[in-house]
Amino acid sequence: MRMQDRICNDKQKIEGLLSSAKTGFLGLTNNDVPYVVPLNFVWYEGSIYFHGASEGKKINYIKNNPVATFVISEFQGTMVSPIPANTDTAYLSIMLFGDIEIVNNLSEATNAMQALLDKYVAGYYNMPLSFQHVARHQSSLGSKTCIFKLTPTETTAKENIKIEEQLYFQGRNIDH
């Protein structure tokens, strides 16, 4: 990483954002053509899990080249300065690199889908997800739902730590 002072090695911060971020961006490539898809996901047992149709552009890219990047980022505010060029953004971002695989083990797929439900609609359902539901579920267009797993072989994190007294808020200007 070029800006060494921005490297984040704080495992607690990294795990926290991996667990709490609602949207991640999956980067794929096929014959040198990039493709980035925003996804709902869950960080579960050291891997990124997400689901999608068993056909379509995303699955074609994955089948042709399973190497992927997954990115999440948290905007924490804009920090102002009397010098315009020193105005900056506070953030934490994480990049995971690895191969994507389709989860064929029904128990693992069900546990991952349950973890997704627990993340996005905690407490809504009064019973755990059944194996049968996961095995039989189809998309609204009729294709089987696939569960995907990205286990990172490399993880990098970068942050610009928020300085509270420099945070911009509506109405703040250079005269205050």
Protein backbone atom coordinates (compact mmCIF):
# COMPACT_ATOMS: atom_id res chain seq x y z
CA MET A 1 0.00 0.00 0.00
CA ARG A 2 1.42 3.36 -1.02
CA MET A 3 0.22 5.36 1.99
CA GLN A 4 1.70 3.33 4.82
CA ASP A 5 0.19 5.63 7.47
CA ARG A 6 -3.30 4.57 6.32
CA ILE A 7 -2.80 0.82 6.84
CA CYS A 8 -5.23 -0.62 9.38
CA ASN A 9 -4.09 -3.76 11.20
CA ASP A 10 -6.71 -3.49 13.95
CA LYS A 11 -8.41 -6.92 13.79
CA GLN A 12 -11.33 -5.71 15.91
CA LYS A 13 -12.11 -2.83 13.51
CA ILE A 14 -11.74 -5.11 10.50
CA GLU A 15 -13.98 -7.84 11.95
CA GLY A 16 -16.47 -5.19 13.08
CA LEU A 17 -16.88 -3.70 9.61
CA LEU A 18 -16.95 -7.12 7.92
CA SER A 19 -19.78 -8.07 10.28
CA SER A 20 -21.78 -4.85 10.13
CA ALA A 21 -21.47 -3.53 6.56
CA LYS A 22 -24.71 -3.97 4.65
CA THR A 23 -23.33 -3.80 1.11
CA GLY A 24 -20.14 -5.09 -0.45
CA PHE A 25 -18.81 -4.84 -3.98
CA LEU A 26 -17.70 -7.99 -5.76
CA GLY A 27 -15.09 -7.43 -8.46
CA LEU A 28 -14.75 -10.05 -11.19
CA THR A 29 -13.01 -10.21 -14.55
CA ASN A 30 -13.61 -12.26 -17.67
CA ASN A 31 -11.29 -11.99 -20.67
CA ASP A 32 -9.94 -8.70 -19.29
CA VAL A 33 -13.43 -7.21 -18.97
CA PRO A 34 -14.09 -6.01 -15.39
CA TYR A 35 -17.45 -6.46 -13.68
CA VAL A 36 -18.34 -5.07 -10.25
CA VAL A 37 -21.57 -6.02 -8.50
CA PRO A 38 -23.01 -4.57 -5.27
CA LEU A 39 -24.20 -7.38 -2.99
CA ASN A 40 -25.83 -8.18 0.30
CA PHE A 41 -23.44 -10.54 2.08
CA VAL A 42 -22.51 -12.05 5.38
CA TRP A 43 -19.08 -12.52 6.94
CA TYR A 44 -19.43 -15.99 8.43
CA GLU A 45 -16.73 -18.31 9.76
CA GLY A 46 -13.93 -16.42 8.02
CA SER A 47 -15.53 -16.20 4.58
CA ILE A 48 -17.84 -13.93 2.59
CA TYR A 49 -21.11 -15.64 1.64
CA PHE A 50 -23.71 -14.31 -0.77
CA HIS A 51 -26.40 -15.82 -2.94
CA GLY A 52 -27.65 -15.37 -6.46
CA ALA A 53 -29.17 -17.07 -9.45
CA SER A 54 -27.50 -20.11 -10.97
CA GLU A 55 -27.43 -18.36 -14.34
CA GLY A 56 -26.64 -14.91 -15.63
CA LYS A 57 -23.70 -12.58 -16.06
CA LYS A 58 -22.30 -12.92 -12.52
CA ILE A 59 -22.29 -16.73 -12.59
CA ASN A 60 -20.74 -16.73 -16.08
CA TYR A 61 -17.90 -14.52 -14.87
CA ILE A 62 -17.38 -16.70 -11.77
CA LYS A 63 -17.34 -19.92 -13.81
CA ASN A 64 -14.83 -18.48 -16.30
CA ASN A 65 -12.57 -16.96 -13.64
CA PRO A 66 -13.26 -17.55 -9.93
CA VAL A 67 -10.55 -15.09 -8.80
CA ALA A 68 -12.29 -12.14 -7.15
CA THR A 69 -11.94 -9.04 -5.05
CA PHE A 70 -14.54 -8.04 -2.46
CA VAL A 71 -14.60 -4.47 -1.14
CA ILE A 72 -16.47 -2.82 1.71
CA SER A 73 -16.08 0.73 2.90
CA GLU A 74 -17.49 2.89 5.65
CA PHE A 75 -17.68 6.65 5.18
CA GLN A 76 -17.15 8.29 8.59
CA GLY A 77 -17.38 11.95 7.65
CA THR A 78 -15.66 14.78 5.83
CA MET A 79 -12.95 16.60 7.74
CA VAL A 80 -12.45 20.25 6.87
CA SER A 81 -9.37 22.44 6.97
CA PRO A 82 -8.74 26.16 6.44
CA ILE A 83 -6.66 24.99 3.46
CA PRO A 84 -9.02 23.51 0.83
CA ALA A 85 -6.43 20.99 -0.39
CA ASN A 86 -6.31 19.53 3.14
CA THR A 87 -10.05 18.75 3.28
CA ASP A 88 -10.23 14.98 3.68
CA THR A 89 -12.51 12.00 4.26
CA ALA A 90 -12.56 9.77 7.32
CA TYR A 91 -13.15 6.14 6.36
CA LEU A 92 -12.35 2.48 6.87
CA SER A 93 -12.14 0.25 3.80
CA ILE A 94 -11.36 -3.42 3.43
CA MET A 95 -10.36 -5.42 0.36
CA LEU A 96 -10.47 -9.21 0.32
CA PHE A 97 -8.86 -11.26 -2.42
CA GLY A 98 -9.54 -14.93 -3.15
CA ASP A 99 -11.38 -17.49 -5.22
CA ILE A 100 -15.14 -17.90 -5.27
CA GLU A 101 -16.68 -21.32 -4.99
CA ILE A 102 -20.26 -22.51 -5.18
CA VAL A 103 -21.31 -24.05 -1.88
CA ASN A 104 -22.62 -27.53 -2.62
CA ASN A 105 -22.78 -28.76 0.97
CA LEU A 106 -26.42 -28.30 2.00
CA SER A 107 -25.60 -27.89 5.69
CA GLU A 108 -23.01 -25.17 4.99
CA ALA A 109 -25.35 -23.44 2.52
CA THR A 110 -28.23 -23.47 5.02
CA ASN A 111 -26.02 -22.15 7.83
CA ALA A 112 -24.75 -19.35 5.57
CA MET A 113 -28.28 -18.41 4.50
CA GLN A 114 -29.39 -18.44 8.15
CA ALA A 115 -26.49 -16.11 8.96
CA LEU A 116 -27.67 -13.78 6.15
CA LEU A 117 -31.20 -13.77 7.60
CA ASP A 118 -29.84 -13.15 11.10
CA LYS A 119 -27.85 -10.19 9.78
CA TYR A 120 -30.55 -8.49 7.70
CA VAL A 121 -33.82 -9.48 9.42
CA ALA A 122 -32.78 -10.58 12.91
CA GLY A 123 -35.68 -11.97 14.93
CA TYR A 124 -38.22 -11.78 12.09
CA TYR A 125 -38.62 -15.53 11.58
CA ASN A 126 -39.75 -17.69 14.47
CA MET A 127 -37.87 -20.81 13.36
CA PRO A 128 -34.54 -21.58 11.73
CA LEU A 129 -34.22 -21.95 7.99
CA SER A 130 -34.77 -25.54 6.85
CA PHE A 131 -32.48 -27.57 4.62
CA GLN A 132 -35.46 -28.25 2.36
CA HIS A 133 -36.13 -24.56 1.80
CA VAL A 134 -32.53 -23.92 0.73
CA ALA A 135 -32.44 -27.03 -1.48
CA ARG A 136 -35.66 -26.13 -3.31
CA HIS A 137 -35.58 -22.34 -3.52
CA GLN A 138 -35.67 -20.74 -6.96
CA SER A 139 -35.26 -17.14 -8.04
CA SER A 140 -38.19 -15.06 -9.23
CA LEU A 141 -37.11 -15.93 -12.80
CA GLY A 142 -37.16 -19.66 -12.08
CA SER A 143 -33.46 -20.48 -11.77
CA LYS A 144 -32.04 -22.32 -8.79
CA THR A 145 -30.46 -20.16 -6.12
CA CYS A 146 -26.72 -20.65 -5.60
CA ILE A 147 -24.81 -19.90 -2.44
CA PHE A 148 -21.32 -18.52 -3.10
CA LYS A 149 -18.31 -18.40 -0.80
CA LEU A 150 -15.19 -16.28 -1.02
CA THR A 151 -12.49 -17.32 1.42
CA PRO A 152 -9.84 -14.61 1.46
CA THR A 153 -6.24 -15.48 0.70
CA GLU A 154 -5.29 -11.85 1.31
CA THR A 155 -6.99 -9.05 3.24
CA THR A 156 -5.97 -5.41 3.28
CA ALA A 157 -7.54 -2.59 5.25
CA LYS A 158 -7.04 1.13 5.04
CA GLU A 159 -8.34 3.95 7.21
CA ASN A 160 -8.21 7.65 7.72
CA ILE A 161 -9.09 8.14 11.35
CA LYS A 162 -11.89 10.58 12.10
CA ILE A 163 -10.88 13.75 13.97
CA GLU A 164 -14.09 14.95 15.64
CA GLU A 165 -13.21 18.65 15.81
CA GLN A 166 -12.52 18.69 12.06
CA LEU A 167 -15.81 17.07 10.99
CA TYR A 168 -17.94 19.05 8.60
CA PHE A 169 -21.61 19.59 9.43
CA GLN A 170 -24.31 21.49 7.55
CA GLY A 171 -23.94 25.19 8.33
CA ARG A 172 -20.28 24.98 9.35
CA ASN A 173 -18.07 27.39 7.48
CA ILE A 174 -14.59 28.84 7.66
CA ASP A 175 -15.77 31.71 9.93
CA HIS A 176 -16.82 29.42 12.81
